[in-house]
């Protein structure tokens, strides 16, 4: 019982600290911050794949498979959002050149 409360306390402290740190980051630095967090999501994906590879029972394999799917979706979604954020910094000329090439 006490271990669960300690884990909940640590989770709450991490959530509060994360919110406070992110809220103080200037807007111009959000794109590099997203890139860094995408790297972390890639590590989570590798961990999920390792856990799936080590799973022995059907329940463990199901949980590992779900973890891989969610981690992959999280990483891909992060890169899509980062790409869209980078598009905002391009000039009109760069956007026109890209539009003409496609």
Protein backbone atom coordinates (compact mmCIF):
# COMPACT_ATOMS: atom_id res chain seq x y z
CA UNK A 1 0.00 0.00 0.00
CA UNK A 2 2.73 2.45 0.98
CA UNK A 3 4.68 1.73 -2.24
CA UNK A 4 1.66 2.80 -4.29
CA UNK A 5 1.38 6.05 -2.36
CA UNK A 6 5.07 6.76 -2.84
CA UNK A 7 4.76 6.06 -6.58
CA UNK A 8 1.73 8.37 -6.77
CA UNK A 9 3.62 11.09 -4.88
CA UNK A 10 6.61 10.82 -7.24
CA UNK A 11 4.27 10.95 -10.26
CA UNK A 12 2.55 14.07 -8.91
CA UNK A 13 5.88 15.78 -8.23
CA UNK A 14 7.15 14.89 -11.72
CA UNK A 15 3.94 16.21 -13.33
CA UNK A 16 4.11 19.47 -11.38
CA UNK A 17 7.81 19.93 -12.11
CA UNK A 18 7.30 19.20 -15.81
CA UNK A 19 4.45 21.69 -16.04
CA UNK A 20 6.47 24.40 -14.30
CA UNK A 21 9.54 23.84 -16.48
CA UNK A 22 7.62 23.73 -19.78
CA UNK A 23 5.50 26.77 -18.94
CA UNK A 24 8.67 28.85 -18.50
CA UNK A 25 10.22 27.88 -21.84
CA UNK A 26 10.07 30.72 -24.39
CA UNK A 27 7.87 30.05 -27.41
CA UNK A 28 10.83 30.14 -29.80
CA UNK A 29 12.40 27.18 -27.99
CA UNK A 30 9.36 24.90 -28.19
CA UNK A 31 10.48 23.35 -31.50
CA UNK A 32 13.90 22.21 -30.18
CA UNK A 33 12.16 21.02 -27.04
CA UNK A 34 9.79 18.92 -29.15
CA UNK A 35 12.77 17.45 -31.00
CA UNK A 36 14.37 16.46 -27.73
CA UNK A 37 11.19 14.90 -26.45
CA UNK A 38 10.86 12.93 -29.71
CA UNK A 39 14.25 11.42 -28.94
CA UNK A 40 12.95 10.32 -25.53
CA UNK A 41 9.86 8.82 -27.19
CA UNK A 42 12.19 6.80 -29.41
CA UNK A 43 13.88 5.39 -26.32
CA UNK A 44 10.46 4.50 -24.90
CA UNK A 45 9.67 2.69 -28.17
CA UNK A 46 12.89 0.68 -27.94
CA UNK A 47 12.07 -0.20 -24.33
CA UNK A 48 8.59 -1.34 -25.33
CA UNK A 49 10.06 -3.54 -28.08
CA UNK A 50 12.53 -5.08 -25.63
CA UNK A 51 9.71 -5.73 -23.16
CA UNK A 52 7.65 -7.35 -25.92
CA UNK A 53 10.60 -9.51 -26.90
CA UNK A 54 11.04 -10.71 -23.32
CA UNK A 55 7.32 -11.40 -22.75
CA UNK A 56 6.50 -15.02 -22.07
CA UNK A 57 2.74 -15.22 -21.51
CA UNK A 58 -0.13 -14.13 -23.71
CA UNK A 59 -1.08 -11.29 -21.36
CA UNK A 60 2.47 -9.97 -21.28
CA UNK A 61 2.67 -10.16 -25.07
CA UNK A 62 -0.62 -8.28 -25.44
CA UNK A 63 0.51 -5.53 -23.06
CA UNK A 64 3.89 -5.34 -24.84
CA UNK A 65 2.22 -5.12 -28.24
CA UNK A 66 -0.08 -2.33 -27.06
CA UNK A 67 2.95 -0.53 -25.58
CA UNK A 68 4.81 -0.74 -28.91
CA UNK A 69 1.80 0.57 -30.85
CA UNK A 70 1.24 3.48 -28.44
CA UNK A 71 4.95 4.37 -28.27
CA UNK A 72 5.26 4.30 -32.06
CA UNK A 73 2.18 6.49 -32.44
CA UNK A 74 3.55 8.91 -29.88
CA UNK A 75 6.93 9.18 -31.62
CA UNK A 76 5.46 9.57 -35.11
CA UNK A 77 2.93 12.12 -33.90
CA UNK A 78 5.70 14.11 -32.26
CA UNK A 79 7.66 14.26 -35.49
CA UNK A 80 4.55 15.32 -37.43
CA UNK A 81 3.88 18.14 -34.96
CA UNK A 82 7.54 19.21 -35.07
CA UNK A 83 7.44 19.32 -38.88
CA UNK A 84 4.32 21.48 -38.79
CA UNK A 85 5.96 23.80 -36.26
CA UNK A 86 9.03 24.16 -38.50
CA UNK A 87 6.78 25.04 -41.45
CA UNK A 88 5.68 28.15 -39.54
CA UNK A 89 9.26 29.50 -39.61
CA UNK A 90 9.66 29.25 -43.39
CA UNK A 91 9.37 32.34 -45.54
CA UNK A 92 6.79 32.69 -48.30
CA UNK A 93 9.49 32.11 -50.96
CA UNK A 94 10.53 28.81 -49.36
CA UNK A 95 6.91 27.68 -49.15
CA UNK A 96 6.31 28.59 -52.82
CA UNK A 97 9.42 26.66 -53.92
CA UNK A 98 8.27 23.60 -52.01
CA UNK A 99 4.78 23.88 -53.46
CA UNK A 100 6.12 24.11 -57.03
CA UNK A 101 8.31 21.01 -56.67
CA UNK A 102 5.56 18.66 -55.54
